[in-house]
Amino acid sequence: MEYVIKGDTEKFDDCLVLVCGTSKINAEKTLNELLTNPTSSEKRLIKGHKNLRIEEVADKNCWWNFNCD
């Protein structure tokens, strides 16, 4: 399993915002930082997103890890 942070926008639901890796604790920490004290680059990343949340993704569905060769 891997963990991601997703959010909703006015036009789309379930948008991938950030990939957090295999640690749920790291994902929870990252989400808390995004919600309470985001950096200026994180503010740009989450701009326009609502309902930020953590979601588990099965390894077979982690397209960002697929080898494109």
N, C-alpha and C. Protein backbone atom coordinates (compact mmCIF):
# COMPACT_ATOMS: atom_id res chain seq x y z
N MET A 1 0.83 -1.18 0.00
CA MET A 1 0.00 0.00 0.00
C MET A 1 0.87 1.25 0.00
N GLU A 2 0.37 2.26 -0.66
CA GLU A 2 0.96 3.58 -0.59
C GLU A 2 -0.14 4.55 -0.16
N TYR A 3 0.27 5.70 0.30
CA TYR A 3 -0.67 6.71 0.77
C TYR A 3 -0.53 7.98 -0.06
N VAL A 4 -1.66 8.56 -0.39
CA VAL A 4 -1.68 9.80 -1.16
C VAL A 4 -2.61 10.78 -0.45
N ILE A 5 -2.44 12.03 -0.79
CA ILE A 5 -3.37 13.05 -0.34
C ILE A 5 -4.17 13.48 -1.55
N LYS A 6 -5.48 13.44 -1.39
CA LYS A 6 -6.39 13.84 -2.45
C LYS A 6 -7.21 15.03 -1.98
N GLY A 7 -7.77 15.74 -2.95
CA GLY A 7 -8.65 16.86 -2.65
C GLY A 7 -9.69 17.00 -3.74
N ASP A 8 -10.65 17.84 -3.48
CA ASP A 8 -11.71 18.12 -4.45
C ASP A 8 -11.60 19.57 -4.89
N THR A 9 -11.93 19.82 -6.16
CA THR A 9 -11.99 21.18 -6.68
C THR A 9 -13.43 21.46 -7.10
N GLU A 10 -13.68 22.66 -7.60
CA GLU A 10 -15.04 22.98 -8.05
C GLU A 10 -15.48 22.07 -9.19
N LYS A 11 -14.54 21.69 -10.06
CA LYS A 11 -14.90 20.89 -11.24
C LYS A 11 -14.69 19.39 -11.07
N PHE A 12 -13.76 18.99 -10.19
CA PHE A 12 -13.38 17.58 -10.10
C PHE A 12 -13.28 17.12 -8.66
N ASP A 13 -13.61 15.84 -8.43
CA ASP A 13 -13.44 15.21 -7.13
C ASP A 13 -12.27 14.24 -7.20
N ASP A 14 -11.72 13.91 -6.06
CA ASP A 14 -10.66 12.91 -5.94
C ASP A 14 -9.41 13.24 -6.75
N CYS A 15 -8.96 14.48 -6.71
CA CYS A 15 -7.74 14.88 -7.41
C CYS A 15 -6.51 14.51 -6.59
N LEU A 16 -5.53 13.90 -7.24
CA LEU A 16 -4.28 13.58 -6.58
C LEU A 16 -3.53 14.88 -6.31
N VAL A 17 -3.21 15.12 -5.06
CA VAL A 17 -2.49 16.33 -4.67
C VAL A 17 -1.03 16.00 -4.38
N LEU A 18 -0.78 14.90 -3.68
CA LEU A 18 0.57 14.58 -3.23
C LEU A 18 0.70 13.09 -2.97
N VAL A 19 1.80 12.51 -3.37
CA VAL A 19 2.13 11.12 -3.06
C VAL A 19 2.98 11.12 -1.80
N CYS A 20 2.58 10.32 -0.81
CA CYS A 20 3.26 10.34 0.50
C CYS A 20 4.08 9.09 0.80
N GLY A 21 4.10 8.10 -0.09
CA GLY A 21 4.89 6.89 0.15
C GLY A 21 4.13 5.83 0.92
N THR A 22 4.89 4.96 1.58
CA THR A 22 4.29 3.77 2.20
C THR A 22 4.00 3.93 3.69
N SER A 23 4.31 5.07 4.27
CA SER A 23 4.11 5.28 5.70
C SER A 23 2.83 6.08 5.96
N LYS A 24 1.89 5.46 6.67
CA LYS A 24 0.66 6.16 7.02
C LYS A 24 0.96 7.30 7.99
N ILE A 25 1.92 7.08 8.87
CA ILE A 25 2.30 8.13 9.83
C ILE A 25 2.83 9.35 9.09
N ASN A 26 3.66 9.13 8.07
CA ASN A 26 4.18 10.24 7.26
C ASN A 26 3.05 10.95 6.53
N ALA A 27 2.10 10.21 6.01
CA ALA A 27 0.96 10.80 5.31
C ALA A 27 0.13 11.66 6.27
N GLU A 28 -0.10 11.16 7.48
CA GLU A 28 -0.86 11.92 8.48
C GLU A 28 -0.13 13.21 8.86
N LYS A 29 1.18 13.12 9.04
CA LYS A 29 1.99 14.29 9.37
C LYS A 29 1.93 15.32 8.24
N THR A 30 2.06 14.84 7.01
CA THR A 30 2.03 15.73 5.85
C THR A 30 0.69 16.42 5.72
N LEU A 31 -0.39 15.67 5.87
CA LEU A 31 -1.73 16.26 5.80
C LEU A 31 -1.91 17.31 6.89
N ASN A 32 -1.48 17.01 8.09
CA ASN A 32 -1.59 17.97 9.19
C ASN A 32 -0.84 19.26 8.86
N GLU A 33 0.36 19.15 8.30
CA GLU A 33 1.14 20.33 7.92
C GLU A 33 0.43 21.13 6.83
N LEU A 34 -0.14 20.43 5.85
CA LEU A 34 -0.86 21.12 4.78
C LEU A 34 -2.06 21.90 5.32
N LEU A 35 -2.72 21.33 6.31
CA LEU A 35 -3.93 21.96 6.86
C LEU A 35 -3.64 23.06 7.87
N THR A 36 -2.50 22.96 8.57
CA THR A 36 -2.25 23.90 9.66
C THR A 36 -1.14 24.90 9.40
N ASN A 37 -0.11 24.51 8.66
CA ASN A 37 1.03 25.40 8.49
C ASN A 37 1.74 25.14 7.16
N PRO A 38 1.04 25.30 6.04
CA PRO A 38 1.67 25.00 4.75
C PRO A 38 2.75 26.04 4.38
N THR A 39 3.79 25.57 3.72
CA THR A 39 4.80 26.47 3.18
C THR A 39 4.21 27.20 1.98
N SER A 40 4.93 28.16 1.45
CA SER A 40 4.41 28.90 0.29
C SER A 40 4.24 27.99 -0.92
N SER A 41 5.15 27.04 -1.11
CA SER A 41 5.00 26.11 -2.24
C SER A 41 3.83 25.14 -2.01
N GLU A 42 3.62 24.73 -0.77
CA GLU A 42 2.48 23.87 -0.46
C GLU A 42 1.16 24.61 -0.64
N LYS A 43 1.16 25.91 -0.33
CA LYS A 43 -0.04 26.71 -0.55
C LYS A 43 -0.42 26.73 -2.03
N ARG A 44 0.58 26.82 -2.90
CA ARG A 44 0.32 26.77 -4.35
C ARG A 44 -0.19 25.38 -4.75
N LEU A 45 0.36 24.35 -4.13
CA LEU A 45 -0.02 22.98 -4.45
C LEU A 45 -1.48 22.70 -4.08
N ILE A 46 -1.94 23.22 -2.96
CA ILE A 46 -3.30 22.91 -2.50
C ILE A 46 -4.32 23.98 -2.89
N LYS A 47 -3.87 25.02 -3.56
CA LYS A 47 -4.78 26.11 -3.94
C LYS A 47 -5.97 25.56 -4.74
N GLY A 48 -7.16 25.94 -4.33
CA GLY A 48 -8.37 25.52 -5.03
C GLY A 48 -8.91 24.17 -4.60
N HIS A 49 -8.19 23.48 -3.71
CA HIS A 49 -8.63 22.16 -3.25
C HIS A 49 -9.36 22.28 -1.91
N LYS A 50 -10.41 21.48 -1.78
CA LYS A 50 -11.15 21.35 -0.53
C LYS A 50 -11.13 19.89 -0.12
N ASN A 51 -11.52 19.63 1.11
CA ASN A 51 -11.69 18.26 1.58
C ASN A 51 -10.41 17.44 1.39
N LEU A 52 -9.27 18.01 1.77
CA LEU A 52 -8.02 17.26 1.68
C LEU A 52 -8.09 16.05 2.60
N ARG A 53 -7.63 14.91 2.10
CA ARG A 53 -7.73 13.67 2.86
C ARG A 53 -6.68 12.67 2.41
N ILE A 54 -6.43 11.69 3.25
CA ILE A 54 -5.50 10.62 2.95
C ILE A 54 -6.27 9.45 2.36
N GLU A 55 -5.67 8.82 1.36
CA GLU A 55 -6.27 7.62 0.79
C GLU A 55 -5.19 6.57 0.58
N GLU A 56 -5.53 5.32 0.88
CA GLU A 56 -4.64 4.19 0.61
C GLU A 56 -4.81 3.78 -0.84
N VAL A 57 -3.70 3.45 -1.48
CA VAL A 57 -3.73 3.00 -2.86
C VAL A 57 -2.96 1.68 -2.94
N ALA A 58 -3.58 0.67 -3.52
CA ALA A 58 -2.92 -0.63 -3.69
C ALA A 58 -1.72 -0.47 -4.61
N ASP A 59 -0.65 -1.20 -4.31
CA ASP A 59 0.59 -1.10 -5.10
C ASP A 59 0.34 -1.25 -6.59
N LYS A 60 -0.56 -2.15 -6.98
CA LYS A 60 -0.81 -2.39 -8.40
C LYS A 60 -1.44 -1.18 -9.10
N ASN A 61 -2.01 -0.24 -8.30
CA ASN A 61 -2.65 0.94 -8.87
C ASN A 61 -1.79 2.21 -8.75
N CYS A 62 -0.56 2.06 -8.30
CA CYS A 62 0.33 3.21 -8.14
C CYS A 62 1.02 3.51 -9.48
N TRP A 63 0.30 4.11 -10.39
CA TRP A 63 0.81 4.36 -11.73
C TRP A 63 2.06 5.22 -11.72
N TRP A 64 2.27 6.02 -10.70
CA TRP A 64 3.46 6.87 -10.64
C TRP A 64 4.74 6.07 -10.41
N ASN A 65 4.61 4.79 -10.05
CA ASN A 65 5.77 3.92 -9.88
C ASN A 65 6.02 3.01 -11.08
N PHE A 66 5.14 3.03 -12.06
CA PHE A 66 5.28 2.15 -13.22
C PHE A 66 6.51 2.53 -14.02
N ASN A 67 7.20 1.52 -14.52
CA ASN A 67 8.36 1.73 -15.37
C ASN A 67 7.89 1.95 -16.80
N CYS A 68 8.30 3.02 -17.39
CA CYS A 68 7.82 3.38 -18.74
C CYS A 68 8.70 2.81 -19.86
N ASP A 69 9.69 2.00 -19.52
CA ASP A 69 10.58 1.44 -20.56
C ASP A 69 9.87 0.44 -21.43
